[in-house]
Amino acid sequence: MYISSSAPEFDVACRRCPRLSDFLTDVARQYPDYYAKPVPPFGDPQAKLLIVGLAPGMHGANRTGRPFTGDHAGILLYQTLYDFGFGSQPVSECASDRLELMQCRISNAVKCLPPQNKPVTTEIKNCNHFLRAELMSLPELGVILALGKIAHDAVLRAFAVPLSHYRFAHAAEHRLGGRVLLDSYHCSRYNTNTRRLTESMFHDVFRRARELVG
């Protein structure tokens, strides 16, 4: 499967979504020491594994400028990345720490903090050309790990695949040409607290990702 895009992978000055731009302006006034801008991808530029989340969290990536850093979801994610050899340390609390990712990069379906952590469909579509450019940088045998259904659907949109062709399910595996799309429930506080996603379940998905990446 081939996808084409002339778009850049990231634009910190992007203002395509008025609601998100206005919200970030308000957040920056309320929290002047927060990053409060579109959050760039983080990790190995030659990655074989691309992890796609939903969007920056208010007091996580929106504060630090690094995906999943400094929030509850990042606790499980970065520990798991370390456990499976993708991360140099098990904790990421700020963007200036010494964490390095190996063979792995992390991004989001939506690069800006949405109100109540809920982007609308138009915003997801507006941001999709950035994700498409990121997917193009993956090798043909690369692996995409979608954390949650919104991320799963965003990946399918980027590949111009009808959403009905591949349904989201935890630990599901889909072939997109030479690449593999893996699904996992998002490692959010809600999912881990309710045990919808356990550490063991998350590890099983990463174990498969490691097998595929090699």
Protein backbone atom coordinates (compact mmCIF):
# COMPACT_ATOMS: atom_id res chain seq x y z
CA MET A 1 0.00 0.00 0.00
CA TYR A 2 1.39 3.39 -0.99
CA ILE A 3 0.49 6.72 0.55
CA SER A 4 1.71 10.02 -0.77
CA SER A 5 2.00 13.37 0.96
CA SER A 6 3.86 16.59 0.40
CA ALA A 7 2.97 17.90 3.86
CA PRO A 8 5.54 18.38 6.62
CA GLU A 9 5.47 16.02 9.60
CA PHE A 10 4.90 18.91 12.01
CA ASP A 11 4.17 22.64 12.14
CA VAL A 12 4.38 24.37 15.51
CA ALA A 13 2.67 27.41 14.00
CA CYS A 14 -0.34 25.46 12.71
CA ARG A 15 -3.65 27.27 13.32
CA ARG A 16 -5.96 25.20 11.12
CA CYS A 17 -8.45 24.56 13.93
CA PRO A 18 -9.88 27.80 15.40
CA ARG A 19 -11.37 26.08 18.46
CA LEU A 20 -8.06 24.44 19.37
CA SER A 21 -6.02 27.58 18.68
CA ASP A 22 -8.31 29.72 20.83
CA PHE A 23 -8.22 27.12 23.59
CA LEU A 24 -4.41 26.99 23.58
CA THR A 25 -4.30 30.78 23.79
CA ASP A 26 -6.53 30.68 26.87
CA VAL A 27 -4.47 27.87 28.42
CA ALA A 28 -1.24 29.81 27.85
CA ARG A 29 -2.72 32.77 29.70
CA GLN A 30 -3.83 30.58 32.58
CA TYR A 31 -0.56 28.59 32.71
CA PRO A 32 2.19 30.89 31.38
CA ASP A 33 4.93 28.34 32.10
CA TYR A 34 3.24 25.59 30.03
CA TYR A 35 4.37 24.67 26.52
CA ALA A 36 0.79 25.23 25.22
CA LYS A 37 1.48 24.79 21.49
CA PRO A 38 1.14 21.94 18.97
CA VAL A 39 3.22 19.07 20.36
CA PRO A 40 5.82 17.55 18.01
CA PRO A 41 6.52 13.82 17.62
CA PHE A 42 9.27 12.47 19.86
CA GLY A 43 11.76 9.68 19.34
CA ASP A 44 14.01 7.96 16.83
CA PRO A 45 13.79 9.61 13.37
CA GLN A 46 14.63 6.19 11.86
CA ALA A 47 11.98 4.41 13.91
CA LYS A 48 10.46 1.10 12.87
CA LEU A 49 7.66 1.50 15.44
CA LEU A 50 5.36 4.54 15.44
CA ILE A 51 3.06 4.87 18.45
CA VAL A 52 -0.01 7.02 17.79
CA GLY A 53 -1.95 8.42 20.73
CA LEU A 54 -5.01 10.65 20.85
CA ALA A 55 -3.90 14.19 21.73
CA PRO A 56 -1.75 16.04 24.29
CA GLY A 57 -3.02 16.01 27.87
CA MET A 58 -3.63 19.30 29.69
CA HIS A 59 -1.01 18.75 32.40
CA GLY A 60 1.09 16.25 30.44
CA ALA A 61 2.36 16.93 26.92
CA ASN A 62 0.63 20.32 26.81
CA ARG A 63 2.76 21.27 29.81
CA THR A 64 6.03 19.61 28.83
CA GLY A 65 6.02 19.67 25.03
CA ARG A 66 6.69 15.91 24.75
CA PRO A 67 4.00 13.28 24.06
CA PHE A 68 2.81 11.39 27.18
CA THR A 69 5.46 13.03 29.37
CA GLY A 70 4.45 14.05 32.88
CA ASP A 71 0.95 12.54 32.93
CA HIS A 72 -0.66 9.35 34.18
CA ALA A 73 -0.84 7.64 30.78
CA GLY A 74 2.88 8.14 30.32
CA ILE A 75 3.71 6.21 33.50
CA LEU A 76 2.68 2.88 31.99
CA LEU A 77 3.78 3.76 28.46
CA TYR A 78 7.35 4.81 29.24
CA GLN A 79 7.88 1.98 31.72
CA THR A 80 6.71 -0.50 29.06
CA LEU A 81 8.92 1.06 26.39
CA TYR A 82 11.87 0.62 28.75
CA ASP A 83 10.89 -2.97 29.58
CA PHE A 84 10.84 -3.93 25.90
CA GLY A 85 14.04 -2.17 24.92
CA PHE A 86 12.54 0.86 23.19
CA GLY A 87 13.45 3.41 25.89
CA SER A 88 16.67 4.31 27.70
CA GLN A 89 14.90 4.97 31.02
CA PRO A 90 11.54 4.01 32.54
CA VAL A 91 10.29 7.50 33.42
CA SER A 92 9.75 10.72 31.48
CA GLU A 93 8.79 13.75 33.54
CA CYS A 94 10.04 16.66 31.41
CA ALA A 95 11.16 17.25 27.84
CA SER A 96 14.68 18.14 28.98
CA ASP A 97 15.42 14.79 30.62
CA ARG A 98 17.86 12.34 29.05
CA LEU A 99 15.32 9.85 27.78
CA GLU A 100 16.07 8.42 24.35
CA LEU A 101 13.83 6.14 22.31
CA MET A 102 15.36 3.43 20.14
CA GLN A 103 13.58 2.19 16.98
CA CYS A 104 10.47 3.99 18.24
CA ARG A 105 8.74 7.33 17.84
CA ILE A 106 5.62 8.67 19.59
CA SER A 107 3.04 11.01 18.10
CA ASN A 108 -0.64 11.88 18.37
CA ALA A 109 -3.59 11.86 16.00
CA VAL A 110 -4.20 15.49 17.04
CA LYS A 111 -1.18 17.62 17.88
CA CYS A 112 -3.01 20.29 19.94
CA LEU A 113 -4.69 20.00 23.33
CA PRO A 114 -8.47 19.72 22.82
CA PRO A 115 -11.03 20.93 25.38
CA GLN A 116 -11.96 18.09 27.73
CA ASN A 117 -9.48 15.87 25.83
CA LYS A 118 -12.10 15.43 23.08
CA PRO A 119 -11.19 16.56 19.56
CA VAL A 120 -14.03 16.82 17.06
CA THR A 121 -13.95 15.01 13.74
CA THR A 122 -13.02 18.10 11.74
CA GLU A 123 -9.96 18.65 13.96
CA ILE A 124 -8.86 15.04 13.58
CA LYS A 125 -9.15 15.36 9.80
CA ASN A 126 -7.34 18.71 9.75
CA CYS A 127 -4.37 17.13 11.54
CA ASN A 128 -4.34 13.97 9.46
CA HIS A 129 -1.92 15.24 6.82
CA PHE A 130 0.77 15.50 9.51
CA LEU A 131 0.18 11.88 10.52
CA ARG A 132 0.27 10.83 6.87
CA ALA A 133 3.72 12.41 6.50
CA GLU A 134 4.92 10.59 9.64
CA LEU A 135 3.65 7.28 8.30
CA MET A 136 5.56 7.85 5.08
CA SER A 137 8.78 7.99 7.08
CA LEU A 138 8.25 4.45 8.38
CA PRO A 139 10.00 1.66 6.49
CA GLU A 140 7.80 -0.61 4.38
CA LEU A 141 7.90 -3.27 7.11
CA GLY A 142 7.26 -0.76 9.89
CA VAL A 143 4.80 -1.18 12.76
CA ILE A 144 2.13 1.28 13.86
CA LEU A 145 0.67 0.97 17.35
CA ALA A 146 -2.64 2.81 17.73
CA LEU A 147 -3.60 3.64 21.31
CA GLY A 148 -7.38 3.81 21.17
CA LYS A 149 -9.99 3.91 18.44
CA ILE A 150 -9.48 7.55 17.49
CA ALA A 151 -5.80 6.86 16.78
CA HIS A 152 -6.75 3.67 14.91
CA ASP A 153 -9.22 5.55 12.72
CA ALA A 154 -6.73 8.36 12.10
CA VAL A 155 -4.18 5.86 10.80
CA LEU A 156 -6.74 4.34 8.44
CA ARG A 157 -7.67 7.82 7.17
CA ALA A 158 -4.01 8.56 6.52
CA PHE A 159 -3.81 5.39 4.40
CA ALA A 160 -7.11 6.28 2.67
CA VAL A 161 -8.63 3.03 3.94
CA PRO A 162 -12.39 3.00 4.73
CA LEU A 163 -12.86 2.82 8.49
CA SER A 164 -15.22 -0.14 8.13
CA HIS A 165 -12.48 -2.32 6.61
CA TYR A 166 -10.51 -2.75 9.84
CA ARG A 167 -12.35 -2.61 13.14
CA PHE A 168 -10.60 -1.51 16.31
CA ALA A 169 -10.12 -4.14 19.01
CA HIS A 170 -7.50 -4.54 21.69
CA ALA A 171 -4.55 -6.61 20.42
CA ALA A 172 -6.01 -6.70 16.90
CA GLU A 173 -3.49 -6.82 14.06
CA HIS A 174 -4.12 -5.41 10.59
CA ARG A 175 -1.97 -5.49 7.46
CA LEU A 176 -1.70 -2.19 5.61
CA GLY A 177 0.40 -3.12 2.63
CA GLY A 178 3.81 -4.00 4.02
CA ARG A 179 3.15 -2.26 7.33
CA VAL A 180 1.33 -3.66 10.36
CA LEU A 181 -1.22 -1.77 12.44
CA LEU A 182 -1.55 -3.02 16.02
CA ASP A 183 -4.36 -1.86 18.29
CA SER A 184 -4.36 -1.32 22.03
CA TYR A 185 -6.72 0.29 24.47
CA HIS A 186 -5.34 3.69 25.41
CA CYS A 187 -3.21 3.67 28.57
CA SER A 188 -5.35 6.40 30.14
CA ARG A 189 -6.03 6.67 33.86
CA TYR A 190 -9.65 5.65 33.27
CA ASN A 191 -8.75 2.48 31.35
CA THR A 192 -6.07 1.37 33.81
CA ASN A 193 -8.10 2.22 36.93
CA THR A 194 -11.14 0.30 35.65
CA ARG A 195 -8.88 -2.60 34.58
CA ARG A 196 -10.13 -2.36 31.04
CA LEU A 197 -6.42 -2.26 30.27
CA THR A 198 -4.07 -4.14 32.56
CA GLU A 199 -0.29 -4.05 32.55
CA SER A 200 -0.26 -7.63 31.30
CA MET A 201 -2.56 -6.76 28.39
CA PHE A 202 -0.39 -3.79 27.46
CA HIS A 203 2.75 -5.92 27.66
CA ASP A 204 1.23 -8.52 25.34
CA VAL A 205 0.75 -5.87 22.65
CA PHE A 206 4.30 -4.58 23.06
CA ARG A 207 5.66 -8.10 23.02
CA ARG A 208 4.06 -8.53 19.61
CA ALA A 209 5.38 -5.14 18.47
CA ARG A 210 8.87 -6.19 19.51
CA GLU A 211 8.54 -9.45 17.56
CA LEU A 212 7.51 -7.57 14.45
CA VAL A 213 10.18 -4.89 14.77
CA GLY A 214 12.90 -7.43 15.54
